[in-house]
């Protein structure tokens, strides 16, 4: 039971930030390093949960990875896409 409660709380933690980013179309105040570390950690926890067959870890981290990856994708799109893909350069 504690695993499910902990999983729910950590999963819910990313939802407000993702909703804020979708609403304002801004991710400038979100740390890319925090997103990279959090998403990587969640993926590793998901793999661990699969290995030990722990439903609480699998469910919570599956949802968390989707939310965190979505926020990471928005961060990259909003803040780094022009410098990575050079969309602002004329050919």
PDB file of N, CA and C in Angstrom:
ATOM      1  N   UNK A   1       0.821  -1.203   0.000  1.00  0.00           N
ATOM      2  CA  UNK A   1       0.000   0.000   0.000  1.00  0.00           C
ATOM      3  C   UNK A   1       0.857   1.255   0.000  1.00  0.00           C
ATOM      4  N   UNK A   2       1.916   1.254   0.792  1.00  0.00           N
ATOM      5  CA  UNK A   2       2.806   2.424   0.855  1.00  0.00           C
ATOM      6  C   UNK A   2       3.432   2.675  -0.507  1.00  0.00           C
ATOM      7  N   UNK A   3       3.791   1.608  -1.226  1.00  0.00           N
ATOM      8  CA  UNK A   3       4.383   1.755  -2.565  1.00  0.00           C
ATOM      9  C   UNK A   3       3.446   2.446  -3.533  1.00  0.00           C
ATOM     10  N   UNK A   4       2.174   2.106  -3.472  1.00  0.00           N
ATOM     11  CA  UNK A   4       1.203   2.743  -4.364  1.00  0.00           C
ATOM     12  C   UNK A   4       0.992   4.209  -4.017  1.00  0.00           C
ATOM     13  N   UNK A   5       0.951   4.529  -2.743  1.00  0.00           N
ATOM     14  CA  UNK A   5       0.793   5.930  -2.313  1.00  0.00           C
ATOM     15  C   UNK A   5       2.019   6.742  -2.723  1.00  0.00           C
ATOM     16  N   UNK A   6       3.207   6.206  -2.460  1.00  0.00           N
ATOM     17  CA  UNK A   6       4.441   6.900  -2.849  1.00  0.00           C
ATOM     18  C   UNK A   6       4.498   7.084  -4.356  1.00  0.00           C
ATOM     19  N   UNK A   7       4.142   6.053  -5.085  1.00  0.00           N
ATOM     20  CA  UNK A   7       4.137   6.134  -6.545  1.00  0.00           C
ATOM     21  C   UNK A   7       3.160   7.176  -7.062  1.00  0.00           C
ATOM     22  N   UNK A   8       1.977   7.212  -6.463  1.00  0.00           N
ATOM     23  CA  UNK A   8       0.973   8.199  -6.876  1.00  0.00           C
ATOM     24  C   UNK A   8       1.466   9.622  -6.634  1.00  0.00           C
ATOM     25  N   UNK A   9       2.068   9.853  -5.486  1.00  0.00           N
ATOM     26  CA  UNK A   9       2.557  11.195  -5.161  1.00  0.00           C
ATOM     27  C   UNK A   9       3.686  11.631  -6.086  1.00  0.00           C
ATOM     28  N   UNK A  10       4.635  10.744  -6.347  1.00  0.00           N
ATOM     29  CA  UNK A  10       5.747  11.130  -7.229  1.00  0.00           C
ATOM     30  C   UNK A  10       5.288  11.267  -8.674  1.00  0.00           C
ATOM     31  N   UNK A  11       4.299  10.498  -9.060  1.00  0.00           N
ATOM     32  CA  UNK A  11       3.751  10.614 -10.419  1.00  0.00           C
ATOM     33  C   UNK A  11       3.001  11.926 -10.587  1.00  0.00           C
ATOM     34  N   UNK A  12       2.185  12.249  -9.615  1.00  0.00           N
ATOM     35  CA  UNK A  12       1.395  13.489  -9.662  1.00  0.00           C
ATOM     36  C   UNK A  12       2.284  14.724  -9.659  1.00  0.00           C
ATOM     37  N   UNK A  13       3.479  14.609  -9.106  1.00  0.00           N
ATOM     38  CA  UNK A  13       4.367  15.768  -8.977  1.00  0.00           C
ATOM     39  C   UNK A  13       4.693  16.424 -10.315  1.00  0.00           C
ATOM     40  N   UNK A  14       4.766  15.657 -11.393  1.00  0.00           N
ATOM     41  CA  UNK A  14       5.104  16.231 -12.695  1.00  0.00           C
ATOM     42  C   UNK A  14       3.898  16.823 -13.417  1.00  0.00           C
ATOM     43  N   UNK A  15       2.705  16.421 -13.056  1.00  0.00           N
ATOM     44  CA  UNK A  15       1.500  16.871 -13.752  1.00  0.00           C
ATOM     45  C   UNK A  15       1.316  18.389 -13.732  1.00  0.00           C
ATOM     46  N   UNK A  16       1.429  19.068 -12.580  1.00  0.00           N
ATOM     47  CA  UNK A  16       1.238  20.521 -12.594  1.00  0.00           C
ATOM     48  C   UNK A  16       2.251  21.260 -13.473  1.00  0.00           C
ATOM     49  N   UNK A  17       3.494  20.803 -13.466  1.00  0.00           N
ATOM     50  CA  UNK A  17       4.515  21.460 -14.292  1.00  0.00           C
ATOM     51  C   UNK A  17       4.227  21.244 -15.775  1.00  0.00           C
ATOM     52  N   UNK A  18       3.806  20.050 -16.134  1.00  0.00           N
ATOM     53  CA  UNK A  18       3.464  19.765 -17.525  1.00  0.00           C
ATOM     54  C   UNK A  18       2.259  20.590 -17.960  1.00  0.00           C
ATOM     55  N   UNK A  19       1.229  20.661 -17.128  1.00  0.00           N
ATOM     56  CA  UNK A  19       0.049  21.474 -17.447  1.00  0.00           C
ATOM     57  C   UNK A  19       0.410  22.947 -17.586  1.00  0.00           C
ATOM     58  N   UNK A  20       1.272  23.438 -16.701  1.00  0.00           N
ATOM     59  CA  UNK A  20       1.722  24.835 -16.772  1.00  0.00           C
ATOM     60  C   UNK A  20       2.460  25.096 -18.082  1.00  0.00           C
ATOM     61  N   UNK A  21       3.341  24.175 -18.459  1.00  0.00           N
ATOM     62  CA  UNK A  21       4.111  24.331 -19.698  1.00  0.00           C
ATOM     63  C   UNK A  21       3.193  24.282 -20.920  1.00  0.00           C
ATOM     64  N   UNK A  22       2.201  23.400 -20.901  1.00  0.00           N
ATOM     65  CA  UNK A  22       1.263  23.324 -22.021  1.00  0.00           C
ATOM     66  C   UNK A  22       0.392  24.570 -22.106  1.00  0.00           C
ATOM     67  N   UNK A  23       0.006  25.097 -20.951  1.00  0.00           N
ATOM     68  CA  UNK A  23      -0.862  26.280 -20.915  1.00  0.00           C
ATOM     69  C   UNK A  23      -0.130  27.539 -21.341  1.00  0.00           C
ATOM     70  N   UNK A  24       1.065  27.750 -20.797  1.00  0.00           N
ATOM     71  CA  UNK A  24       1.809  28.989 -21.067  1.00  0.00           C
ATOM     72  C   UNK A  24       2.700  28.896 -22.291  1.00  0.00           C
ATOM     73  N   UNK A  25       2.920  27.695 -22.797  1.00  0.00           N
ATOM     74  CA  UNK A  25       3.840  27.460 -23.914  1.00  0.00           C
ATOM     75  C   UNK A  25       5.263  27.884 -23.565  1.00  0.00           C
ATOM     76  N   UNK A  26       5.584  27.862 -22.271  1.00  0.00           N
ATOM     77  CA  UNK A  26       6.914  28.262 -21.817  1.00  0.00           C
ATOM     78  C   UNK A  26       7.495  27.192 -20.903  1.00  0.00           C
ATOM     79  N   UNK A  27       8.769  26.888 -21.135  1.00  0.00           N
ATOM     80  CA  UNK A  27       9.497  25.953 -20.282  1.00  0.00           C
ATOM     81  C   UNK A  27      10.826  26.557 -19.841  1.00  0.00           C
ATOM     82  N   UNK A  28      10.958  27.871 -19.973  1.00  0.00           N
ATOM     83  CA  UNK A  28      12.247  28.504 -19.688  1.00  0.00           C
ATOM     84  C   UNK A  28      12.667  28.375 -18.224  1.00  0.00           C
ATOM     85  N   UNK A  29      11.721  28.231 -17.318  1.00  0.00           N
ATOM     86  CA  UNK A  29      12.058  28.116 -15.899  1.00  0.00           C
ATOM     87  C   UNK A  29      12.215  26.671 -15.428  1.00  0.00           C
ATOM     88  N   UNK A  30      12.142  25.722 -16.354  1.00  0.00           N
ATOM     89  CA  UNK A  30      12.306  24.313 -16.005  1.00  0.00           C
ATOM     90  C   UNK A  30      13.746  23.913 -16.321  1.00  0.00           C
ATOM     91  N   UNK A  31      14.395  23.266 -15.382  1.00  0.00           N
ATOM     92  CA  UNK A  31      15.789  22.856 -15.550  1.00  0.00           C
ATOM     93  C   UNK A  31      15.909  21.619 -16.438  1.00  0.00           C
ATOM     94  N   UNK A  32      16.702  21.726 -17.485  1.00  0.00           N
ATOM     95  CA  UNK A  32      16.927  20.592 -18.375  1.00  0.00           C
ATOM     96  C   UNK A  32      17.653  19.462 -17.640  1.00  0.00           C
ATOM     97  N   UNK A  33      18.589  19.819 -16.773  1.00  0.00           N
ATOM     98  CA  UNK A  33      19.314  18.789 -16.025  1.00  0.00           C
ATOM     99  C   UNK A  33      18.394  18.040 -15.066  1.00  0.00           C
ATOM    100  N   UNK A  34      17.473  18.741 -14.422  1.00  0.00           N
ATOM    101  CA  UNK A  34      16.515  18.090 -13.537  1.00  0.00           C
ATOM    102  C   UNK A  34      15.652  17.120 -14.333  1.00  0.00           C
ATOM    103  N   UNK A  35      15.210  17.535 -15.507  1.00  0.00           N
ATOM    104  CA  UNK A  35      14.383  16.666 -16.332  1.00  0.00           C
ATOM    105  C   UNK A  35      15.155  15.445 -16.818  1.00  0.00           C
ATOM    106  N   UNK A  36      16.394  15.648 -17.243  1.00  0.00           N
ATOM    107  CA  UNK A  36      17.209  14.523 -17.702  1.00  0.00           C
ATOM    108  C   UNK A  36      17.477  13.528 -16.575  1.00  0.00           C
ATOM    109  N   UNK A  37      17.840  14.043 -15.412  1.00  0.00           N
ATOM    110  CA  UNK A  37      18.111  13.168 -14.264  1.00  0.00           C
ATOM    111  C   UNK A  37      16.846  12.460 -13.795  1.00  0.00           C
ATOM    112  N   UNK A  38      15.757  13.183 -13.682  1.00  0.00           N
ATOM    113  CA  UNK A  38      14.499  12.586 -13.215  1.00  0.00           C
ATOM    114  C   UNK A  38      13.988  11.532 -14.186  1.00  0.00           C
ATOM    115  N   UNK A  39      13.986  11.860 -15.462  1.00  0.00           N
ATOM    116  CA  UNK A  39      13.490  10.915 -16.456  1.00  0.00           C
ATOM    117  C   UNK A  39      14.364   9.666 -16.494  1.00  0.00           C
ATOM    118  N   UNK A  40      15.666   9.848 -16.453  1.00  0.00           N
ATOM    119  CA  UNK A  40      16.588   8.703 -16.443  1.00  0.00           C
ATOM    120  C   UNK A  40      16.365   7.840 -15.204  1.00  0.00           C
ATOM    121  N   UNK A  41      16.225   8.476 -14.051  1.00  0.00           N
ATOM    122  CA  UNK A  41      15.974   7.745 -12.814  1.00  0.00           C
ATOM    123  C   UNK A  41      14.663   6.980 -12.867  1.00  0.00           C
ATOM    124  N   UNK A  42      13.633   7.597 -13.419  1.00  0.00           N
ATOM    125  CA  UNK A  42      12.332   6.918 -13.531  1.00  0.00           C
ATOM    126  C   UNK A  42      12.412   5.721 -14.461  1.00  0.00           C
ATOM    127  N   UNK A  43      13.148   5.856 -15.554  1.00  0.00           N
ATOM    128  CA  UNK A  43      13.313   4.724 -16.471  1.00  0.00           C
ATOM    129  C   UNK A  43      14.024   3.571 -15.757  1.00  0.00           C
ATOM    130  N   UNK A  44      15.056   3.907 -14.988  1.00  0.00           N
ATOM    131  CA  UNK A  44      15.775   2.865 -14.251  1.00  0.00           C
ATOM    132  C   UNK A  44      14.889   2.210 -13.187  1.00  0.00           C
ATOM    133  N   UNK A  45      14.085   3.012 -12.481  1.00  0.00           N
ATOM    134  CA  UNK A  45      13.143   2.453 -11.505  1.00  0.00           C
ATOM    135  C   UNK A  45      12.119   1.562 -12.204  1.00  0.00           C
ATOM    136  N   UNK A  46      11.690   1.951 -13.401  1.00  0.00           N
ATOM    137  CA  UNK A  46      10.747   1.134 -14.163  1.00  0.00           C
ATOM    138  C   UNK A  46      11.384  -0.211 -14.510  1.00  0.00           C
ATOM    139  N   UNK A  47      12.618  -0.192 -15.006  1.00  0.00           N
ATOM    140  CA  UNK A  47      13.312  -1.440 -15.322  1.00  0.00           C
ATOM    141  C   UNK A  47      13.480  -2.310 -14.068  1.00  0.00           C
ATOM    142  N   UNK A  48      13.803  -1.675 -12.960  1.00  0.00           N
ATOM    143  CA  UNK A  48      13.935  -2.415 -11.701  1.00  0.00           C
ATOM    144  C   UNK A  48      12.594  -3.048 -11.307  1.00  0.00           C
ATOM    145  N   UNK A  49      11.533  -2.269 -11.419  1.00  0.00           N
ATOM    146  CA  UNK A  49      10.209  -2.787 -11.097  1.00  0.00           C
ATOM    147  C   UNK A  49       9.833  -3.975 -11.959  1.00  0.00           C
ATOM    148  N   UNK A  50      10.202  -3.920 -13.238  1.00  0.00           N
ATOM    149  CA  UNK A  50       9.933  -5.039 -14.134  1.00  0.00           C
ATOM    150  C   UNK A  50      10.749  -6.263 -13.705  1.00  0.00           C
ATOM    151  N   UNK A  51      12.017  -6.037 -13.349  1.00  0.00           N
ATOM    152  CA  UNK A  51      12.872  -7.149 -12.930  1.00  0.00           C
ATOM    153  C   UNK A  51      12.360  -7.844 -11.672  1.00  0.00           C
ATOM    154  N   UNK A  52      11.913  -7.054 -10.699  1.00  0.00           N
ATOM    155  CA  UNK A  52      11.445  -7.647  -9.444  1.00  0.00           C
ATOM    156  C   UNK A  52       9.937  -7.917  -9.449  1.00  0.00           C
ATOM    157  N   UNK A  53       9.302  -7.612 -10.579  1.00  0.00           N
ATOM    158  CA  UNK A  53       7.851  -7.839 -10.756  1.00  0.00           C
ATOM    159  C   UNK A  53       7.024  -7.134  -9.684  1.00  0.00           C
ATOM    160  N   UNK A  54       7.327  -5.842  -9.497  1.00  0.00           N
ATOM    161  CA  UNK A  54       6.606  -5.029  -8.511  1.00  0.00           C
ATOM    162  C   UNK A  54       5.610  -4.131  -9.238  1.00  0.00           C
ATOM    163  N   UNK A  55       4.312  -4.449  -9.150  1.00  0.00           N
ATOM    164  CA  UNK A  55       3.300  -3.664  -9.872  1.00  0.00           C
ATOM    165  C   UNK A  55       3.292  -2.177  -9.497  1.00  0.00           C
ATOM    166  N   UNK A  56       3.535  -1.858  -8.237  1.00  0.00           N
ATOM    167  CA  UNK A  56       3.535  -0.455  -7.819  1.00  0.00           C
ATOM    168  C   UNK A  56       4.634   0.320  -8.544  1.00  0.00           C
ATOM    169  N   UNK A  57       5.819  -0.242  -8.620  1.00  0.00           N
ATOM    170  CA  UNK A  57       6.921   0.423  -9.324  1.00  0.00           C
ATOM    171  C   UNK A  57       6.652   0.516 -10.822  1.00  0.00           C
ATOM    172  N   UNK A  58       6.100  -0.534 -11.381  1.00  0.00           N
ATOM    173  CA  UNK A  58       5.847  -0.558 -12.827  1.00  0.00           C
ATOM    174  C   UNK A  58       4.799   0.481 -13.214  1.00  0.00           C
ATOM    175  N   UNK A  59       3.680   0.496 -12.518  1.00  0.00           N
ATOM    176  CA  UNK A  59       2.592   1.423 -12.856  1.00  0.00           C
ATOM    177  C   UNK A  59       3.021   2.878 -12.636  1.00  0.00           C
ATOM    178  N   UNK A  60       3.530   3.163 -11.447  1.00  0.00           N
ATOM    179  CA  UNK A  60       3.890   4.544 -11.119  1.00  0.00           C
ATOM    180  C   UNK A  60       4.973   5.077 -12.049  1.00  0.00           C
ATOM    181  N   UNK A  61       5.998   4.288 -12.300  1.00  0.00           N
ATOM    182  CA  UNK A  61       7.085   4.781 -13.122  1.00  0.00           C
ATOM    183  C   UNK A  61       6.745   4.801 -14.603  1.00  0.00           C
ATOM    184  N   UNK A  62       5.848   3.945 -15.054  1.00  0.00           N
ATOM    185  CA  UNK A  62       5.387   4.021 -16.446  1.00  0.00           C
ATOM    186  C   UNK A  62       4.701   5.356 -16.697  1.00  0.00           C
ATOM    187  N   UNK A  63       3.805   5.726 -15.800  1.00  0.00           N
ATOM    188  CA  UNK A  63       3.094   7.003 -15.933  1.00  0.00           C
ATOM    189  C   UNK A  63       4.059   8.168 -15.759  1.00  0.00           C
ATOM    190  N   UNK A  64       4.940   8.070 -14.778  1.00  0.00           N
ATOM    191  CA  UNK A  64       5.909   9.145 -14.530  1.00  0.00           C
ATOM    192  C   UNK A  64       6.832   9.367 -15.726  1.00  0.00           C
ATOM    193  N   UNK A  65       7.266   8.289 -16.355  1.00  0.00           N
ATOM    194  CA  UNK A  65       8.142   8.415 -17.529  1.00  0.00           C
ATOM    195  C   UNK A  65       7.412   9.139 -18.661  1.00  0.00           C
ATOM    196  N   UNK A  66       6.138   8.825 -18.854  1.00  0.00           N
ATOM    197  CA  UNK A  66       5.363   9.503 -19.895  1.00  0.00           C
ATOM    198  C   UNK A  66       5.259  10.999 -19.598  1.00  0.00           C
ATOM    199  N   UNK A  67       4.915  11.348 -18.353  1.00  0.00           N
ATOM    200  CA  UNK A  67       4.782  12.762 -17.987  1.00  0.00           C
ATOM    201  C   UNK A  67       6.117  13.494 -18.087  1.00  0.00           C
ATOM    202  N   UNK A  68       7.159  12.926 -17.511  1.00  0.00           N
ATOM    203  CA  UNK A  68       8.467  13.579 -17.512  1.00  0.00           C
ATOM    204  C   UNK A  68       9.036  13.674 -18.926  1.00  0.00           C
ATOM    205  N   UNK A  69       8.846  12.629 -19.726  1.00  0.00           N
ATOM    206  CA  UNK A  69       9.327  12.665 -21.105  1.00  0.00           C
ATOM    207  C   UNK A  69       8.582  13.712 -21.924  1.00  0.00           C
ATOM    208  N   UNK A  70       7.299  13.850 -21.660  1.00  0.00           N
ATOM    209  CA  UNK A  70       6.519  14.886 -22.354  1.00  0.00           C
ATOM    210  C   UNK A  70       7.048  16.268 -22.016  1.00  0.00           C
ATOM    211  N   UNK A  71       7.314  16.500 -20.739  1.00  0.00           N
ATOM    212  CA  UNK A  71       7.854  17.789 -20.321  1.00  0.00           C
ATOM    213  C   UNK A  71       9.253  17.995 -20.903  1.00  0.00           C
ATOM    214  N   UNK A  72      10.058  16.959 -20.915  1.00  0.00           N
ATOM    215  CA  UNK A  72      11.397  17.040 -21.506  1.00  0.00           C
ATOM    216  C   UNK A  72      11.303  17.352 -22.998  1.00  0.00           C
ATOM    217  N   UNK A  73      10.377  16.697 -23.689  1.00  0.00           N
ATOM    218  CA  UNK A  73      10.176  16.978 -25.111  1.00  0.00           C
ATOM    219  C   UNK A  73       9.762  18.417 -25.358  1.00  0.00           C
ATOM    220  N   UNK A  74       8.855  18.927 -24.531  1.00  0.00           N
ATOM    221  CA  UNK A  74       8.450  20.337 -24.654  1.00  0.00           C
ATOM    222  C   UNK A  74       9.627  21.275 -24.387  1.00  0.00           C
ATOM    223  N   UNK A  75      10.430  20.939 -23.388  1.00  0.00           N
ATOM    224  CA  UNK A  75      11.599  21.760 -23.054  1.00  0.00           C
ATOM    225  C   UNK A  75      12.557  21.821 -24.243  1.00  0.00           C
ATOM    226  N   UNK A  76      12.845  20.682 -24.827  1.00  0.00           N
ATOM    227  CA  UNK A  76      13.756  20.644 -25.977  1.00  0.00           C
ATOM    228  C   UNK A  76      13.146  21.394 -27.156  1.00  0.00           C
ATOM    229  N   UNK A  77      11.867  21.158 -27.420  1.00  0.00           N
ATOM    230  CA  UNK A  77      11.188  21.839 -28.533  1.00  0.00           C
ATOM    231  C   UNK A  77      11.170  23.351 -28.336  1.00  0.00           C
ATOM    232  N   UNK A  78      10.786  23.786 -27.142  1.00  0.00           N
ATOM    233  CA  UNK A  78      10.641  25.215 -26.885  1.00  0.00           C
ATOM    234  C   UNK A  78      11.962  25.956 -26.760  1.00  0.00           C
ATOM    235  N   UNK A  79      12.939  25.345 -26.121  1.00  0.00           N
ATOM    236  CA  UNK A  79      14.151  26.084 -25.767  1.00  0.00           C
ATOM    237  C   UNK A  79      15.376  25.746 -26.604  1.00  0.00           C
ATOM    238  N   UNK A  80      15.371  24.598 -27.257  1.00  0.00           N
ATOM    239  CA  UNK A  80      16.596  24.168 -27.939  1.00  0.00           C
ATOM    240  C   UNK A  80      16.424  23.818 -29.405  1.00  0.00           C
ATOM    241  N   UNK A  81      15.207  23.738 -29.914  1.00  0.00           N
ATOM    242  CA  UNK A  81      15.017  23.252 -31.277  1.00  0.00           C
ATOM    243  C   UNK A  81      15.682  24.136 -32.326  1.00  0.00           C
ATOM    244  N   UNK A  82      15.654  25.436 -32.154  1.00  0.00           N
ATOM    245  CA  UNK A  82      16.258  26.300 -33.171  1.00  0.00           C
ATOM    246  C   UNK A  82      17.776  26.179 -33.183  1.00  0.00           C
ATOM    247  N   UNK A  83      18.380  25.936 -32.021  1.00  0.00           N
ATOM    248  CA  UNK A  83      19.835  25.799 -31.996  1.00  0.00           C
ATOM    249  C   UNK A  83      20.284  24.402 -32.405  1.00  0.00           C
ATOM    250  N   UNK A  84      19.463  23.386 -32.144  1.00  0.00           N
ATOM    251  CA  UNK A  84      19.825  22.011 -32.509  1.00  0.00           C
ATOM    252  C   UNK A  84      19.610  21.772 -33.996  1.00  0.00           C
ATOM    253  N   UNK A  85      18.455  22.177 -34.491  1.00  0.00           N
ATOM    254  CA  UNK A  85      18.095  21.878 -35.862  1.00  0.00           C
ATOM    255  C   UNK A  85      18.317  23.035 -36.823  1.00  0.00           C
ATOM    256  N   UNK A  86      18.724  24.171 -36.303  1.00  0.00           N
ATOM    257  CA  UNK A  86      19.024  25.339 -37.115  1.00  0.00           C
ATOM    258  C   UNK A  86      17.846  25.749 -37.998  1.00  0.00           C
ATOM    259  N   UNK A  87      16.642  25.773 -37.412  1.00  0.00           N
ATOM    260  CA  UNK A  87      15.460  26.155 -38.161  1.00  0.00           C
ATOM    261  C   UNK A  87      15.459  27.640 -38.533  1.00  0.00           C
ATOM    262  N   UNK A  88      16.207  28.440 -37.814  1.00  0.00           N
ATOM    263  CA  UNK A  88      16.203  29.865 -38.077  1.00  0.00           C
ATOM    264  C   UNK A  88      17.182  30.251 -39.182  1.00  0.00           C
ATOM    265  N   UNK A  89      17.936  29.311 -39.693  1.00  0.00           N
ATOM    266  CA  UNK A  89      18.935  29.598 -40.718  1.00  0.00           C
ATOM    267  C   UNK A  89      18.310  29.469 -42.102  1.00  0.00           C
ATOM    268  N   UNK A  90      18.552  30.451 -42.969  1.00  0.00           N
ATOM    269  CA  UNK A  90      18.040  30.405 -44.334  1.00  0.00           C
ATOM    270  C   UNK A  90      19.017  29.652 -45.221  1.00  0.00           C
ATOM    271  N   UNK A  91      18.449  28.880 -46.136  1.00  0.00           N
ATOM    272  CA  UNK A  91      19.296  28.096 -47.050  1.00  0.00           C
ATOM    273  C   UNK A  91      19.388  28.783 -48.384  1.00  0.00           C
TER     274      UNK A  91
END
